[in-house]
Amino acid sequence: MLVYYHILDVALGIALTAFVASMLWLTEAMATQLAVANDARLFAITFLGSWVFQLVEHVFEGRRPACWTIAGRYFEPRYC
C-alpha cells in the first residue's frame, strides 16, 4: 500500500513510511507494556476520541456526517 504513495510523490511516501513505522513501533511498545485490563480502556478512549475528532472535523469542513445523508435516513438511528 505504501508503494502507491511512493509512486505518487516520493516525499509523501517517505513521510508516510516514517509515520507508519513510528506508529507500529508505538503500538508494539504499548502492547508489551500494558496489561489486558488497560487494553480495553485504551481502546475505548482512542475510539471515542477519534469519533469526537471526526465530528469536530465535520464542523470545520462544513459538511454533514454520513448518517445525515439519504442512506443514513434508512440505516442509521433517528438521533443522528
N, C-alpha and C. Protein backbone atom coordinates (compact mmCIF):
# COMPACT_ATOMS: atom_id res chain seq x y z
N MET A 1 0.82 -1.19 0.00
CA MET A 1 0.00 0.00 0.00
C MET A 1 0.86 1.26 0.00
N LEU A 2 1.94 1.24 0.74
CA LEU A 2 2.79 2.43 0.77
C LEU A 2 3.51 2.66 -0.55
N VAL A 3 3.66 1.63 -1.35
CA VAL A 3 4.29 1.78 -2.67
C VAL A 3 3.49 2.75 -3.52
N TYR A 4 2.18 2.71 -3.40
CA TYR A 4 1.31 3.61 -4.15
C TYR A 4 1.66 5.07 -3.86
N TYR A 5 1.88 5.40 -2.59
CA TYR A 5 2.22 6.77 -2.22
C TYR A 5 3.62 7.15 -2.68
N HIS A 6 4.53 6.19 -2.73
CA HIS A 6 5.87 6.45 -3.25
C HIS A 6 5.80 6.76 -4.75
N ILE A 7 4.89 6.09 -5.45
CA ILE A 7 4.73 6.35 -6.88
C ILE A 7 4.13 7.74 -7.11
N LEU A 8 3.15 8.12 -6.30
CA LEU A 8 2.52 9.43 -6.45
C LEU A 8 3.49 10.56 -6.14
N ASP A 9 4.16 10.46 -5.00
CA ASP A 9 5.06 11.52 -4.57
C ASP A 9 6.08 10.91 -3.62
N VAL A 10 7.35 11.02 -3.98
CA VAL A 10 8.41 10.38 -3.20
C VAL A 10 8.49 10.97 -1.79
N ALA A 11 8.39 12.29 -1.67
CA ALA A 11 8.49 12.91 -0.35
C ALA A 11 7.32 12.48 0.54
N LEU A 12 6.12 12.44 -0.03
CA LEU A 12 4.96 11.99 0.72
C LEU A 12 5.11 10.53 1.12
N GLY A 13 5.63 9.70 0.21
CA GLY A 13 5.84 8.29 0.51
C GLY A 13 6.82 8.08 1.64
N ILE A 14 7.89 8.84 1.64
CA ILE A 14 8.90 8.73 2.69
C ILE A 14 8.32 9.18 4.03
N ALA A 15 7.60 10.31 4.01
CA ALA A 15 6.99 10.81 5.25
C ALA A 15 5.96 9.83 5.78
N LEU A 16 5.14 9.27 4.90
CA LEU A 16 4.12 8.33 5.34
C LEU A 16 4.74 7.03 5.85
N THR A 17 5.81 6.59 5.21
CA THR A 17 6.51 5.39 5.68
C THR A 17 7.08 5.62 7.07
N ALA A 18 7.66 6.78 7.30
CA ALA A 18 8.20 7.09 8.63
C ALA A 18 7.08 7.16 9.67
N PHE A 19 5.95 7.75 9.30
CA PHE A 19 4.82 7.85 10.23
C PHE A 19 4.27 6.46 10.56
N VAL A 20 4.07 5.62 9.56
CA VAL A 20 3.54 4.28 9.80
C VAL A 20 4.51 3.46 10.63
N ALA A 21 5.80 3.56 10.34
CA ALA A 21 6.79 2.83 11.12
C ALA A 21 6.80 3.27 12.58
N SER A 22 6.68 4.58 12.81
CA SER A 22 6.66 5.07 14.20
C SER A 22 5.39 4.62 14.91
N MET A 23 4.26 4.58 14.22
CA MET A 23 3.02 4.11 14.83
C MET A 23 3.10 2.61 15.14
N LEU A 24 3.70 1.84 14.26
CA LEU A 24 3.88 0.41 14.53
C LEU A 24 4.78 0.20 15.73
N TRP A 25 5.86 0.98 15.82
CA TRP A 25 6.76 0.88 16.97
C TRP A 25 6.02 1.26 18.25
N LEU A 26 5.22 2.34 18.21
CA LEU A 26 4.49 2.78 19.39
C LEU A 26 3.47 1.75 19.83
N THR A 27 2.73 1.16 18.92
CA THR A 27 1.74 0.16 19.30
C THR A 27 2.40 -1.09 19.84
N GLU A 28 3.53 -1.46 19.29
CA GLU A 28 4.26 -2.63 19.81
C GLU A 28 4.75 -2.36 21.23
N ALA A 29 5.26 -1.15 21.46
CA ALA A 29 5.72 -0.79 22.80
C ALA A 29 4.56 -0.77 23.79
N MET A 30 3.43 -0.25 23.37
CA MET A 30 2.26 -0.21 24.26
C MET A 30 1.74 -1.61 24.53
N ALA A 31 1.77 -2.47 23.53
CA ALA A 31 1.25 -3.83 23.70
C ALA A 31 2.10 -4.63 24.68
N THR A 32 3.39 -4.37 24.70
CA THR A 32 4.25 -5.12 25.62
C THR A 32 4.23 -4.55 27.03
N GLN A 33 3.87 -3.27 27.18
CA GLN A 33 3.90 -2.63 28.50
C GLN A 33 2.57 -2.68 29.24
N LEU A 34 1.47 -2.68 28.53
CA LEU A 34 0.16 -2.57 29.18
C LEU A 34 -0.44 -3.93 29.48
N ALA A 35 -1.21 -3.98 30.55
CA ALA A 35 -1.93 -5.19 30.90
C ALA A 35 -3.20 -5.28 30.05
N VAL A 36 -3.83 -6.45 30.06
CA VAL A 36 -5.04 -6.66 29.27
C VAL A 36 -6.17 -5.75 29.74
N ALA A 37 -6.27 -5.49 31.02
CA ALA A 37 -7.33 -4.61 31.54
C ALA A 37 -7.19 -3.19 31.00
N ASN A 38 -5.97 -2.75 30.81
CA ASN A 38 -5.75 -1.42 30.26
C ASN A 38 -6.04 -1.36 28.77
N ASP A 39 -5.97 -2.49 28.08
CA ASP A 39 -6.21 -2.50 26.64
C ASP A 39 -7.63 -2.06 26.31
N ALA A 40 -8.60 -2.53 27.07
CA ALA A 40 -9.99 -2.16 26.82
C ALA A 40 -10.20 -0.67 27.06
N ARG A 41 -9.62 -0.15 28.12
CA ARG A 41 -9.74 1.28 28.40
C ARG A 41 -9.06 2.12 27.32
N LEU A 42 -7.88 1.70 26.91
CA LEU A 42 -7.15 2.41 25.87
C LEU A 42 -7.92 2.39 24.55
N PHE A 43 -8.50 1.23 24.22
CA PHE A 43 -9.30 1.13 23.01
C PHE A 43 -10.51 2.07 23.08
N ALA A 44 -11.20 2.08 24.20
CA ALA A 44 -12.40 2.92 24.35
C ALA A 44 -12.05 4.40 24.24
N ILE A 45 -10.97 4.81 24.88
CA ILE A 45 -10.55 6.21 24.83
C ILE A 45 -10.16 6.59 23.41
N THR A 46 -9.40 5.74 22.74
CA THR A 46 -8.97 6.02 21.38
C THR A 46 -10.16 6.06 20.42
N PHE A 47 -11.07 5.10 20.55
CA PHE A 47 -12.23 5.03 19.67
C PHE A 47 -13.12 6.25 19.85
N LEU A 48 -13.47 6.55 21.09
CA LEU A 48 -14.35 7.70 21.34
C LEU A 48 -13.67 9.02 20.99
N GLY A 49 -12.40 9.13 21.30
CA GLY A 49 -11.67 10.35 20.95
C GLY A 49 -11.60 10.57 19.45
N SER A 50 -11.38 9.51 18.70
CA SER A 50 -11.34 9.62 17.24
C SER A 50 -12.71 9.98 16.68
N TRP A 51 -13.75 9.42 17.25
CA TRP A 51 -15.11 9.70 16.80
C TRP A 51 -15.45 11.17 17.04
N VAL A 52 -15.11 11.68 18.22
CA VAL A 52 -15.36 13.09 18.53
C VAL A 52 -14.54 13.98 17.60
N PHE A 53 -13.28 13.62 17.38
CA PHE A 53 -12.42 14.40 16.48
C PHE A 53 -13.01 14.44 15.08
N GLN A 54 -13.57 13.34 14.62
CA GLN A 54 -14.16 13.31 13.29
C GLN A 54 -15.39 14.22 13.22
N LEU A 55 -16.21 14.22 14.25
CA LEU A 55 -17.38 15.11 14.26
C LEU A 55 -16.96 16.57 14.29
N VAL A 56 -15.92 16.90 15.05
CA VAL A 56 -15.41 18.27 15.07
C VAL A 56 -14.86 18.65 13.69
N GLU A 57 -14.22 17.71 13.03
CA GLU A 57 -13.69 17.97 11.69
C GLU A 57 -14.82 18.27 10.71
N HIS A 58 -15.96 17.61 10.86
CA HIS A 58 -17.10 17.89 10.00
C HIS A 58 -17.57 19.33 10.18
N VAL A 59 -17.48 19.86 11.38
CA VAL A 59 -17.87 21.25 11.62
C VAL A 59 -16.94 22.18 10.85
N PHE A 60 -15.63 21.91 10.89
CA PHE A 60 -14.68 22.75 10.16
C PHE A 60 -14.84 22.62 8.65
N GLU A 61 -15.18 21.41 8.17
CA GLU A 61 -15.39 21.21 6.74
C GLU A 61 -16.67 21.86 6.26
N GLY A 62 -17.63 21.95 7.13
CA GLY A 62 -18.92 22.45 6.73
C GLY A 62 -19.79 21.39 6.09
N ARG A 63 -19.44 20.14 6.28
CA ARG A 63 -20.20 19.03 5.71
C ARG A 63 -20.89 18.27 6.82
N ARG A 64 -22.01 17.66 6.48
CA ARG A 64 -22.75 16.87 7.45
C ARG A 64 -22.17 15.45 7.51
N PRO A 65 -22.21 14.80 8.66
CA PRO A 65 -21.77 13.41 8.75
C PRO A 65 -22.63 12.51 7.87
N ALA A 66 -22.11 11.34 7.55
CA ALA A 66 -22.79 10.42 6.64
C ALA A 66 -24.14 9.97 7.17
N CYS A 67 -24.32 9.95 8.46
CA CYS A 67 -25.61 9.49 8.99
C CYS A 67 -26.72 10.48 8.70
N TRP A 68 -26.39 11.68 8.18
CA TRP A 68 -27.41 12.65 7.81
C TRP A 68 -27.67 12.66 6.31
N THR A 69 -27.10 11.72 5.58
CA THR A 69 -27.31 11.64 4.14
C THR A 69 -28.54 10.79 3.85
N ILE A 70 -28.83 10.59 2.58
CA ILE A 70 -30.01 9.81 2.19
C ILE A 70 -29.91 8.39 2.73
N ALA A 71 -28.74 7.76 2.58
CA ALA A 71 -28.58 6.39 3.09
C ALA A 71 -28.72 6.37 4.61
N GLY A 72 -28.26 7.41 5.27
CA GLY A 72 -28.35 7.48 6.72
C GLY A 72 -29.77 7.54 7.22
N ARG A 73 -30.66 8.07 6.41
CA ARG A 73 -32.07 8.13 6.83
C ARG A 73 -32.66 6.73 6.99
N TYR A 74 -32.15 5.77 6.24
CA TYR A 74 -32.70 4.42 6.27
C TYR A 74 -31.93 3.47 7.17
N PHE A 75 -30.63 3.70 7.33
CA PHE A 75 -29.80 2.74 8.02
C PHE A 75 -29.29 3.20 9.37
N GLU A 76 -29.39 4.47 9.69
CA GLU A 76 -28.88 4.98 10.95
C GLU A 76 -30.04 5.32 11.89
N PRO A 77 -29.76 5.38 13.18
CA PRO A 77 -30.83 5.78 14.12
C PRO A 77 -31.29 7.21 13.84
N ARG A 78 -32.44 7.55 14.32
CA ARG A 78 -33.04 8.87 14.04
C ARG A 78 -32.34 10.01 14.76
N TYR A 79 -31.54 9.74 15.78
CA TYR A 79 -30.92 10.82 16.53
C TYR A 79 -29.69 11.38 15.84
N CYS A 80 -29.24 10.84 14.73
CA CYS A 80 -28.06 11.38 14.03
C CYS A 80 -28.34 12.74 13.47
